[in-house]
Amino acid sequence: MIEMHRRNSLLLLLISIFYFTQIIFNIVIEGIESIFPPAIFFGIFGLIMILLILKKVNAKFTMYVMVGSMYIYFYYLLNDSPYLVNYLFMWLALPLSAIYQQIKAVLMSGIASIILTFYSFFYLHDEIFPNVIKEDFIYLVLFGIFITIFHITFILKVRAANDKLQDLAYHDPLTGAANRLLLKEKFDVMKYENVDSIALLFLDMNGFKNVNDTYGHEVGDQLLQIIVLRIDAVLRDTDLLCRLGGDEFIVLTSNIDQSIVEKIADRIQSALEKPMILNQHIINVSASIGWHYTTEVLNANLDEMIKEADRAMYKEKELKDLPGSTIN
């Protein structure tokens, strides 16, 4: 959602650059009086868009309003100044809408472009297409369909590439758990959405070094992968499991009571205490878990919450006579 707000701001900037380029052409062709009344409409449109962006109104709603407003503007522009150059400028709205990387926005833009093409060809034909026979209209429609499909295909390929890059950038390559970068982004999103509460659990595996010392790091890596699978299985879809490094993990969750945080910790502990079988050996592990909870979301600081949860984890470790990992 934050990214879409950024794209809304970027599109407004590009539309403004595009608009001022277009009115320069109109002024050269017809004179300064030719930019009115479309300029008044653009001013109203720009003001509405700025308010929607500054007020952080629903980003998808703002996207549809912005794309729709572009074509309303071009409808008035083509009626007021029915020139081929303005018709060609109208087609630039399609690649502009592709900046969202949203297929619905491109489809909306493609359909609107074809509708305006139909209107321009049959109702403004003598002004815009004086030397084009009406049987050639089908080629303009096919061009619109082709360029729309091209942009949709481009978006799908960009999405696939972005998914691969994000997976590399946001996840631990060994376990597939989130890394610190994704943890930070998820925390920022929670603050941005002003959730009711945020809880952070700090997990440290007890005696994990024994596994590495006895069987080597390969078995230790396999054990970490099993640990992540087990923890993920007891978390909600909205919770985030992050590997800080080594055998330390963080669980980030929101919109829960303190009593629920304790239940989450108990569920994680129960899942981890079940014996794990690796290379025909039974390995029993456990974790020390500390957590920090706050309802003052806007003032929350990720690093401070990690420190507080870390302190709580060490207190729990000191209070217990921990057996660590046992290998049979």
Protein backbone atom coordinates (compact mmCIF):
# COMPACT_ATOMS: atom_id res chain seq x y z
CA MET A 1 0.00 0.00 0.00
CA ILE A 2 2.84 2.39 0.77
CA GLU A 3 4.37 1.56 -2.61
CA MET A 4 1.09 2.33 -4.39
CA HIS A 5 0.93 5.73 -2.67
CA ARG A 6 4.41 6.39 -4.04
CA ARG A 7 3.29 5.37 -7.51
CA ASN A 8 0.30 7.73 -7.25
CA SER A 9 2.70 10.58 -6.46
CA LEU A 10 5.01 9.59 -9.30
CA LEU A 11 2.13 9.35 -11.79
CA LEU A 12 0.88 12.80 -10.80
CA LEU A 13 4.37 14.18 -11.42
CA LEU A 14 4.60 12.47 -14.83
CA ILE A 15 1.09 13.65 -15.77
CA SER A 16 2.08 17.21 -14.90
CA ILE A 17 5.23 16.99 -17.07
CA PHE A 18 3.16 15.42 -19.84
CA TYR A 19 0.48 18.09 -19.55
CA PHE A 20 2.86 21.02 -19.76
CA THR A 21 4.56 19.41 -22.77
CA GLN A 22 1.18 19.00 -24.43
CA ILE A 23 0.06 22.62 -23.84
CA ILE A 24 3.33 23.88 -25.34
CA PHE A 25 2.35 22.08 -28.55
CA ASN A 26 -1.15 23.58 -28.37
CA ILE A 27 0.20 27.08 -27.77
CA VAL A 28 2.53 26.75 -30.78
CA ILE A 29 -0.31 25.48 -32.99
CA GLU A 30 -3.25 27.61 -31.81
CA GLY A 31 -2.00 30.21 -29.36
CA ILE A 32 -2.30 30.53 -25.58
CA GLU A 33 -6.08 30.93 -25.70
CA SER A 34 -6.34 27.33 -26.93
CA ILE A 35 -5.40 25.85 -23.54
CA PHE A 36 -8.67 27.02 -21.98
CA PRO A 37 -11.03 25.60 -20.73
CA PRO A 38 -9.09 22.25 -20.52
CA ALA A 39 -6.50 23.99 -18.34
CA ILE A 40 -9.20 24.76 -15.78
CA PHE A 41 -10.23 21.09 -15.70
CA PHE A 42 -6.60 20.03 -15.26
CA GLY A 43 -6.20 22.48 -12.37
CA ILE A 44 -9.25 21.02 -10.62
CA PHE A 45 -8.04 17.47 -11.34
CA GLY A 46 -4.56 18.28 -10.01
CA LEU A 47 -5.95 19.77 -6.81
CA ILE A 48 -8.15 16.71 -6.18
CA MET A 49 -5.23 14.35 -6.79
CA ILE A 50 -2.93 16.30 -4.46
CA LEU A 51 -5.56 16.17 -1.69
CA LEU A 52 -6.12 12.41 -2.16
CA ILE A 53 -2.37 11.76 -2.00
CA LEU A 54 -1.68 14.06 0.95
CA LYS A 55 -4.63 12.66 2.91
CA LYS A 56 -3.46 9.13 2.03
CA VAL A 57 -6.91 8.10 0.88
CA ASN A 58 -7.20 4.42 -0.16
CA ALA A 59 -4.36 3.99 -2.66
CA LYS A 60 -6.31 1.80 -5.12
CA PHE A 61 -9.23 4.23 -5.13
CA THR A 62 -6.80 7.08 -5.83
CA MET A 63 -5.29 5.02 -8.66
CA TYR A 64 -8.65 4.49 -10.38
CA VAL A 65 -9.61 8.14 -9.90
CA MET A 66 -6.30 9.24 -11.41
CA VAL A 67 -6.55 6.94 -14.45
CA GLY A 68 -10.21 7.83 -14.99
CA SER A 69 -9.53 11.55 -14.68
CA MET A 70 -6.83 11.36 -17.36
CA TYR A 71 -9.37 10.11 -19.89
CA ILE A 72 -12.05 12.59 -18.86
CA TYR A 73 -9.47 15.30 -19.46
CA PHE A 74 -8.62 13.89 -22.90
CA TYR A 75 -12.31 13.70 -23.80
CA TYR A 76 -12.70 17.42 -23.14
CA LEU A 77 -9.37 18.18 -24.80
CA LEU A 78 -10.29 16.34 -28.02
CA ASN A 79 -13.64 18.10 -28.15
CA ASP A 80 -12.08 21.50 -27.55
CA SER A 81 -8.97 20.99 -29.73
CA PRO A 82 -9.61 18.09 -32.12
CA TYR A 83 -6.10 17.64 -33.51
CA LEU A 84 -4.16 14.52 -34.36
CA VAL A 85 -1.39 15.51 -31.95
CA ASN A 86 -3.88 15.53 -29.04
CA TYR A 87 -5.21 12.14 -30.11
CA LEU A 88 -1.65 10.77 -30.12
CA PHE A 89 -1.01 12.31 -26.69
CA MET A 90 -4.08 10.43 -25.45
CA TRP A 91 -2.36 7.10 -26.17
CA LEU A 92 0.50 8.05 -23.85
CA ALA A 93 -1.94 7.62 -20.94
CA LEU A 94 -1.76 3.84 -21.41
CA PRO A 95 1.98 3.47 -20.63
CA LEU A 96 1.52 6.02 -17.84
CA SER A 97 -1.13 3.78 -16.22
CA ALA A 98 1.28 0.83 -16.49
CA ILE A 99 3.46 2.49 -13.85
CA TYR A 100 1.22 0.85 -11.21
CA GLN A 101 2.03 -2.64 -12.52
CA GLN A 102 -1.66 -3.37 -12.02
CA ILE A 103 -3.39 -5.32 -14.80
CA LYS A 104 -6.80 -3.81 -13.95
CA ALA A 105 -5.42 -0.28 -14.36
CA VAL A 106 -3.95 -1.15 -17.78
CA LEU A 107 -7.19 -2.84 -18.90
CA MET A 108 -9.16 0.19 -17.77
CA SER A 109 -6.76 2.45 -19.66
CA GLY A 110 -6.81 0.28 -22.80
CA ILE A 111 -10.61 0.15 -22.92
CA ALA A 112 -10.86 3.91 -22.35
CA SER A 113 -8.31 4.53 -25.13
CA ILE A 114 -10.30 2.39 -27.59
CA ILE A 115 -13.56 4.13 -26.61
CA LEU A 116 -11.97 7.55 -27.20
CA THR A 117 -10.56 6.24 -30.48
CA PHE A 118 -14.08 5.23 -31.55
CA TYR A 119 -15.43 8.64 -30.51
CA SER A 120 -12.62 10.55 -32.26
CA PHE A 121 -12.86 8.51 -35.46
CA PHE A 122 -16.62 8.71 -35.97
CA TYR A 123 -17.55 12.02 -34.32
CA LEU A 124 -14.37 14.06 -34.96
CA HIS A 125 -13.29 12.31 -38.13
CA ASP A 126 -13.04 15.36 -40.39
CA GLU A 127 -10.86 17.24 -37.87
CA ILE A 128 -8.54 14.42 -36.70
CA PHE A 129 -8.60 11.82 -39.52
CA PRO A 130 -9.51 13.79 -42.68
CA ASN A 131 -7.48 11.54 -44.99
CA VAL A 132 -8.33 8.19 -43.40
CA ILE A 133 -11.18 6.09 -44.78
CA LYS A 134 -13.65 4.73 -42.26
CA GLU A 135 -12.86 1.11 -43.17
CA ASP A 136 -9.42 1.62 -41.61
CA PHE A 137 -10.97 2.08 -38.16
CA ILE A 138 -10.39 -1.61 -37.42
CA TYR A 139 -6.62 -1.06 -37.61
CA LEU A 140 -6.79 1.57 -34.87
CA VAL A 141 -8.76 -0.86 -32.69
CA LEU A 142 -6.28 -3.66 -33.35
CA PHE A 143 -3.45 -1.28 -32.47
CA GLY A 144 -5.20 -0.49 -29.16
CA ILE A 145 -5.69 -4.19 -28.38
CA PHE A 146 -2.08 -4.98 -29.30
CA ILE A 147 -0.53 -2.22 -27.18
CA THR A 148 -2.79 -3.14 -24.22
CA ILE A 149 -1.76 -6.82 -24.42
CA PHE A 150 1.87 -5.74 -24.77
CA HIS A 151 1.70 -3.72 -21.53
CA ILE A 152 -0.07 -6.54 -19.66
CA THR A 153 2.58 -9.03 -20.82
CA PHE A 154 5.30 -6.60 -19.78
CA ILE A 155 3.72 -6.21 -16.32
CA LEU A 156 3.50 -9.98 -15.82
CA LYS A 157 7.18 -10.38 -16.71
CA VAL A 158 8.21 -7.51 -14.45
CA ARG A 159 6.17 -9.00 -11.60
CA ALA A 160 7.84 -12.39 -12.02
CA ALA A 161 11.28 -10.78 -12.01
CA ASN A 162 10.38 -8.62 -9.00
CA ASP A 163 9.08 -11.65 -7.09
CA LYS A 164 12.42 -13.42 -7.58
CA LEU A 165 14.40 -10.34 -6.58
CA GLN A 166 12.21 -9.70 -3.53
CA ASP A 167 12.55 -13.31 -2.46
CA LEU A 168 16.33 -12.91 -2.56
CA ALA A 169 16.27 -9.49 -0.90
CA TYR A 170 13.74 -10.21 1.85
CA HIS A 171 14.33 -13.82 2.87
CA ASP A 172 17.03 -15.88 4.52
CA PRO A 173 18.51 -18.10 1.78
CA LEU A 174 18.92 -21.10 4.11
CA THR A 175 15.54 -21.31 5.85
CA GLY A 176 13.25 -19.12 3.75
CA ALA A 177 12.31 -17.10 6.83
CA ALA A 178 12.15 -13.32 6.56
CA ASN A 179 15.35 -11.36 7.06
CA ARG A 180 15.91 -8.12 8.95
CA LEU A 181 15.00 -5.98 5.91
CA LEU A 182 11.54 -7.53 5.57
CA LEU A 183 11.11 -7.33 9.35
CA LYS A 184 11.74 -3.57 9.19
CA GLU A 185 9.31 -3.11 6.31
CA LYS A 186 6.60 -5.17 8.02
CA PHE A 187 7.08 -3.17 11.22
CA ASP A 188 6.79 0.11 9.29
CA VAL A 189 3.60 -1.09 7.60
CA MET A 190 2.09 -1.92 11.00
CA LYS A 191 2.91 1.57 12.23
CA TYR A 192 1.56 3.13 9.03
CA GLU A 193 -1.71 1.20 9.35
CA ASN A 194 -1.85 2.19 13.03
CA VAL A 195 -2.67 -1.29 14.31
CA ASP A 196 -4.02 -1.65 17.85
CA SER A 197 -0.92 -3.35 19.23
CA ILE A 198 2.45 -4.79 18.24
CA ALA A 199 4.18 -7.75 19.88
CA LEU A 200 7.70 -8.98 19.22
CA LEU A 201 8.96 -12.37 20.40
CA PHE A 202 12.71 -13.10 20.55
CA LEU A 203 13.67 -16.80 20.27
CA ASP A 204 17.08 -18.27 21.02
CA MET A 205 17.60 -22.00 20.52
CA ASN A 206 19.08 -23.69 23.60
CA GLY A 207 22.26 -25.68 23.16
CA PHE A 208 22.16 -25.47 19.39
CA LYS A 209 25.98 -25.41 19.31
CA ASN A 210 25.97 -29.03 20.49
CA VAL A 211 24.36 -30.12 17.21
CA ASN A 212 26.91 -28.28 15.09
CA ASP A 213 29.82 -29.59 17.16
CA THR A 214 28.61 -33.19 17.03
CA TYR A 215 27.34 -33.60 13.47
CA GLY A 216 28.61 -30.55 11.62
CA HIS A 217 26.98 -27.49 10.18
CA GLU A 218 25.13 -29.38 7.44
CA VAL A 219 22.97 -31.16 9.98
CA GLY A 220 22.65 -27.91 11.91
CA ASP A 221 21.36 -26.19 8.75
CA GLN A 222 18.81 -28.96 8.21
CA LEU A 223 17.68 -28.58 11.81
CA LEU A 224 17.19 -24.83 11.34
CA GLN A 225 14.99 -25.51 8.31
CA ILE A 226 12.81 -27.88 10.34
CA ILE A 227 12.63 -25.34 13.19
CA VAL A 228 11.35 -22.64 10.79
CA LEU A 229 8.71 -24.99 9.36
CA ARG A 230 7.46 -25.88 12.84
CA ILE A 231 7.29 -22.28 14.05
CA ASP A 232 5.54 -21.14 10.85
CA ALA A 233 2.94 -23.87 11.32
CA VAL A 234 1.68 -22.36 14.60
CA LEU A 235 1.65 -18.71 13.46
CA ARG A 236 -1.12 -16.74 11.77
CA ASP A 237 -0.84 -15.70 8.13
CA THR A 238 -0.43 -12.09 9.28
CA ASP A 239 2.48 -12.92 11.61
CA LEU A 240 6.09 -12.73 10.45
CA LEU A 241 8.92 -15.10 11.32
CA CYS A 242 12.39 -13.58 10.89
CA ARG A 243 15.80 -15.19 11.27
CA LEU A 244 18.18 -12.67 12.80
CA GLY A 245 21.18 -14.92 12.31
CA GLY A 246 22.63 -18.11 13.74
CA ASP A 247 19.96 -19.72 15.91
CA GLU A 248 18.10 -16.50 16.82
CA PHE A 249 14.62 -15.77 15.51
CA ILE A 250 11.98 -13.06 15.88
CA VAL A 251 8.22 -13.33 15.55
CA LEU A 252 6.39 -10.08 14.79
CA THR A 253 2.66 -9.97 15.35
CA SER A 254 -0.08 -7.37 15.83
CA ASN A 255 -3.66 -6.73 16.99
CA ILE A 256 -3.50 -9.16 19.90
CA ASP A 257 -3.72 -8.99 23.71
CA GLN A 258 -0.80 -9.74 26.02
CA SER A 259 -2.40 -13.02 27.05
CA ILE A 260 -2.35 -14.13 23.41
CA VAL A 261 1.39 -13.38 23.19
CA GLU A 262 2.00 -15.85 26.02
CA LYS A 263 -0.12 -18.45 24.19
CA ILE A 264 1.89 -17.93 21.01
CA ALA A 265 5.12 -18.48 22.95
CA ASP A 266 3.65 -21.67 24.48
CA ARG A 267 2.57 -22.95 21.05
CA ILE A 268 6.04 -22.33 19.63
CA GLN A 269 7.67 -24.07 22.58
CA SER A 270 5.36 -27.08 22.25
CA ALA A 271 6.06 -27.35 18.52
CA LEU A 272 9.83 -27.23 19.04
CA GLU A 273 9.89 -29.72 21.90
CA LYS A 274 8.62 -32.54 19.70
CA PRO A 275 11.59 -34.79 18.80
CA MET A 276 13.23 -34.15 15.42
CA ILE A 277 14.78 -36.99 13.44
CA LEU A 278 17.84 -36.22 11.33
CA ASN A 279 20.17 -38.83 9.82
CA GLN A 280 18.51 -41.53 11.96
CA HIS A 281 19.28 -39.58 15.13
CA ILE A 282 16.65 -38.15 17.45
CA ILE A 283 17.35 -34.53 18.37
CA ASN A 284 15.41 -32.74 21.09
CA VAL A 285 15.54 -28.96 21.10
CA SER A 286 13.95 -26.14 23.03
CA ALA A 287 14.01 -22.36 22.90
CA SER A 288 14.24 -19.50 25.34
CA ILE A 289 11.56 -16.97 24.42
CA GLY A 290 11.25 -13.38 25.54
CA TRP A 291 8.78 -10.85 24.25
CA HIS A 292 7.88 -7.18 24.29
CA TYR A 293 4.39 -5.76 23.80
CA THR A 294 3.12 -2.25 23.15
CA THR A 295 -0.12 -0.46 22.35
CA GLU A 296 1.71 2.82 21.69
CA VAL A 297 2.16 1.88 18.05
CA LEU A 298 3.04 5.29 16.62
CA ASN A 299 5.89 5.68 19.14
CA ALA A 300 7.16 2.12 18.74
CA ASN A 301 10.79 1.57 17.71
CA LEU A 302 11.87 -1.74 16.22
CA ASP A 303 15.41 -1.75 17.61
CA GLU A 304 14.16 -0.90 21.10
CA MET A 305 11.54 -3.64 20.97
CA ILE A 306 14.18 -6.16 19.90
CA LYS A 307 16.42 -5.10 22.80
CA GLU A 308 13.57 -5.40 25.33
CA ALA A 309 12.53 -8.81 24.00
CA ASP A 310 16.18 -9.92 24.06
CA ARG A 311 16.50 -8.87 27.72
CA ALA A 312 13.30 -10.76 28.57
CA MET A 313 14.65 -13.85 26.78
CA TYR A 314 17.88 -13.81 28.77
CA LYS A 315 15.96 -13.42 32.01
CA GLU A 316 13.97 -16.53 31.14
CA LYS A 317 17.19 -18.38 30.26
CA GLU A 318 18.72 -17.46 33.63
CA LEU A 319 15.63 -18.50 35.57
CA LYS A 320 15.56 -22.00 34.09
CA ASP A 321 17.96 -24.88 34.35
CA LEU A 322 17.97 -25.54 30.60
CA PRO A 323 18.91 -28.97 29.28
CA GLY A 324 19.74 -27.55 25.82
CA SER A 325 19.75 -29.95 22.85
CA THR A 326 20.06 -33.66 23.44
CA ILE A 327 21.10 -36.14 20.76
CA ASN A 328 20.30 -39.84 20.74
